Protein backbone atom coordinates (compact mmCIF):
# COMPACT_ATOMS: atom_id res chain seq x y z
CA MET A 1 -31.67 20.57 -13.23
CA VAL A 2 -34.12 18.07 -14.64
CA SER A 3 -37.43 17.74 -12.79
CA PRO A 4 -37.98 14.20 -11.44
CA MET A 5 -41.47 14.12 -13.00
CA PRO A 6 -43.38 16.21 -15.54
CA VAL A 7 -44.83 19.42 -14.10
CA ASN A 8 -48.42 18.47 -14.93
CA CYS A 9 -48.22 15.08 -13.13
CA PRO A 10 -49.61 14.89 -9.60
CA ASP A 11 -47.17 13.85 -6.91
CA PRO A 12 -47.52 10.06 -6.60
CA PHE A 13 -46.93 10.21 -2.85
CA SER A 14 -48.57 12.00 0.03
CA MET A 15 -46.80 14.66 2.09
CA PRO A 16 -43.29 13.62 3.18
CA LEU A 17 -43.03 12.01 6.61
CA VAL A 18 -39.24 12.31 6.83
CA THR A 19 -36.27 13.25 4.62
CA LEU A 20 -32.74 12.08 5.43
CA THR A 21 -29.31 12.34 3.84
CA LEU A 22 -27.34 9.16 4.47
CA PRO A 23 -23.78 8.09 3.70
CA TRP A 24 -23.15 5.79 0.76
CA PRO A 25 -23.99 2.22 1.85
CA PRO A 26 -21.64 -0.71 1.50
CA SER A 27 -22.66 -3.11 -1.25
CA ALA A 28 -24.70 -6.15 -0.28
CA ASN A 29 -21.57 -8.19 -1.02
CA HIS A 30 -19.78 -6.34 1.79
CA TYR A 31 -22.74 -6.09 4.17
CA TRP A 32 -23.39 -9.68 5.18
CA ARG A 33 -21.06 -12.65 5.48
CA PHE A 34 -21.63 -16.28 6.36
CA THR A 35 -19.78 -18.50 8.79
CA ARG A 36 -18.66 -21.97 7.72
CA GLY A 37 -21.77 -23.24 9.49
CA GLY A 38 -24.00 -21.03 7.33
CA GLN A 39 -24.86 -18.39 9.96
CA LYS A 40 -25.32 -14.89 8.50
CA TYR A 41 -23.63 -11.96 10.25
CA LEU A 42 -22.99 -8.26 9.65
CA THR A 43 -19.51 -7.16 8.56
CA ALA A 44 -17.62 -4.34 10.26
CA LYS A 45 -18.55 -2.04 7.33
CA ALA A 46 -22.23 -2.91 7.81
CA LYS A 47 -22.07 -2.27 11.55
CA GLN A 48 -20.43 1.10 10.95
CA PHE A 49 -23.02 2.03 8.30
CA ARG A 50 -25.86 1.06 10.66
CA ALA A 51 -24.31 3.14 13.45
CA ASP A 52 -23.90 6.15 11.13
CA VAL A 53 -27.52 5.87 9.95
CA GLN A 54 -28.77 5.47 13.52
CA GLN A 55 -26.95 8.67 14.54
CA ILE A 56 -28.42 10.59 11.57
CA VAL A 57 -31.90 9.30 12.40
CA PHE A 58 -31.47 10.30 16.04
CA ASN A 59 -30.14 13.77 15.12
CA ASN A 60 -33.16 14.31 12.84
CA GLN A 61 -35.64 12.91 15.39
CA ALA A 62 -36.78 10.46 12.73
CA ASP A 63 -37.07 7.30 14.84
CA HIS A 64 -40.86 7.28 14.55
CA LYS A 65 -41.42 3.57 13.85
CA ILE A 66 -43.71 4.64 11.00
CA ALA A 67 -46.57 2.16 10.68
CA GLY A 68 -48.51 1.30 7.54
CA ASP A 69 -47.52 1.45 3.90
CA ILE A 70 -44.73 3.80 2.89
CA GLY A 71 -43.29 5.08 -0.36
CA LEU A 72 -39.66 6.02 -0.95
CA TYR A 73 -38.17 8.69 -3.18
CA ILE A 74 -34.41 8.20 -3.36
CA ASP A 75 -31.67 10.27 -4.97
CA ALA A 76 -28.52 8.16 -5.27
CA HIS A 77 -25.35 10.21 -5.58
CA PHE A 78 -22.70 7.66 -6.49
CA PRO A 79 -19.24 8.10 -4.91
CA ASP A 80 -17.31 7.72 -8.17
CA LYS A 81 -17.70 6.89 -11.84
CA ARG A 82 -17.46 3.11 -11.49
CA ARG A 83 -20.34 1.14 -12.96
CA ARG A 84 -22.83 0.07 -10.30
CA ASP A 85 -26.33 -1.29 -10.25
CA LEU A 86 -28.72 1.32 -8.92
CA ASP A 87 -30.79 -1.25 -7.04
CA ASN A 88 -27.78 -2.48 -5.03
CA THR A 89 -28.12 0.59 -2.79
CA LEU A 90 -31.59 -0.39 -1.60
CA LYS A 91 -31.32 -3.48 0.61
CA CYS A 92 -28.56 -2.21 2.89
CA THR A 93 -30.12 1.25 3.17
CA LEU A 94 -33.55 -0.14 4.06
CA ASP A 95 -32.00 -2.57 6.55
CA ALA A 96 -30.19 0.28 8.31
CA LEU A 97 -33.29 2.52 8.38
CA GLN A 98 -35.38 -0.29 9.84
CA HIS A 99 -32.69 -1.04 12.42
CA ALA A 100 -32.59 2.68 13.36
CA GLY A 101 -36.35 2.68 14.01
CA VAL A 102 -37.60 4.80 11.10
CA PHE A 103 -40.19 2.17 10.16
CA CYS A 104 -41.18 -1.21 11.54
CA ASP A 105 -40.34 -3.48 8.60
CA ASP A 106 -39.13 -2.98 5.05
CA SER A 107 -42.11 -5.03 3.87
CA GLN A 108 -44.10 -1.79 4.46
CA VAL A 109 -42.54 -0.30 1.32
CA THR A 110 -45.17 -0.29 -1.44
CA GLU A 111 -43.50 2.16 -3.84
CA ILE A 112 -39.89 3.01 -4.65
CA HIS A 113 -38.66 5.74 -6.97
CA ILE A 114 -34.87 5.80 -7.23
CA VAL A 115 -32.84 8.12 -9.43
CA ARG A 116 -29.11 8.16 -10.20
CA ARG A 117 -27.90 11.72 -9.65
CA HIS A 118 -24.55 13.46 -10.16
CA LYS A 119 -21.48 12.06 -8.46
CA ILE A 120 -20.61 13.34 -4.97
CA PRO A 121 -17.20 12.40 -3.51
CA GLY A 122 -17.84 9.68 -0.93
CA GLY A 123 -21.40 9.29 -2.25
CA GLU A 124 -24.69 9.80 -0.43
CA ILE A 125 -28.30 8.68 -0.43
CA ARG A 126 -31.04 11.29 -0.06
CA ILE A 127 -34.22 9.54 0.91
CA THR A 128 -37.71 10.93 1.44
CA ILE A 129 -40.28 8.66 3.04
CA HIS A 130 -43.95 9.29 2.30
CA GLY A 131 -47.13 7.65 3.46
CA GLY A 132 -48.04 4.95 0.95
CA ARG A 133 -51.25 4.59 -0.99
């Protein structure tokens, strides 16, 4: 297994505050929809993803409402071999974590390190949240 950073580099983040393994998020294209009047709403897939994340957060006692700057270290295990943009996993995942009460607002995120990892059937996101700098 390849180390995420060279051995002689200091860890860019402080001690982890929480680590969670989440299901693969729906794409942003399948997360929000708009009415004919322009109102934005969550799709059924988005509501289910939020509910799944909220249950995982509850089970891990991670609903801390972390305040202050935070950094994220994310391992993205894609569900299949289709081409996807790595950054498309972020917005929906952060929205669900904020909704579940892990942190107050996704504007708190000051650093993001995201890595594409090996495929896992169904996909998953492993996210570690650290105090920011």
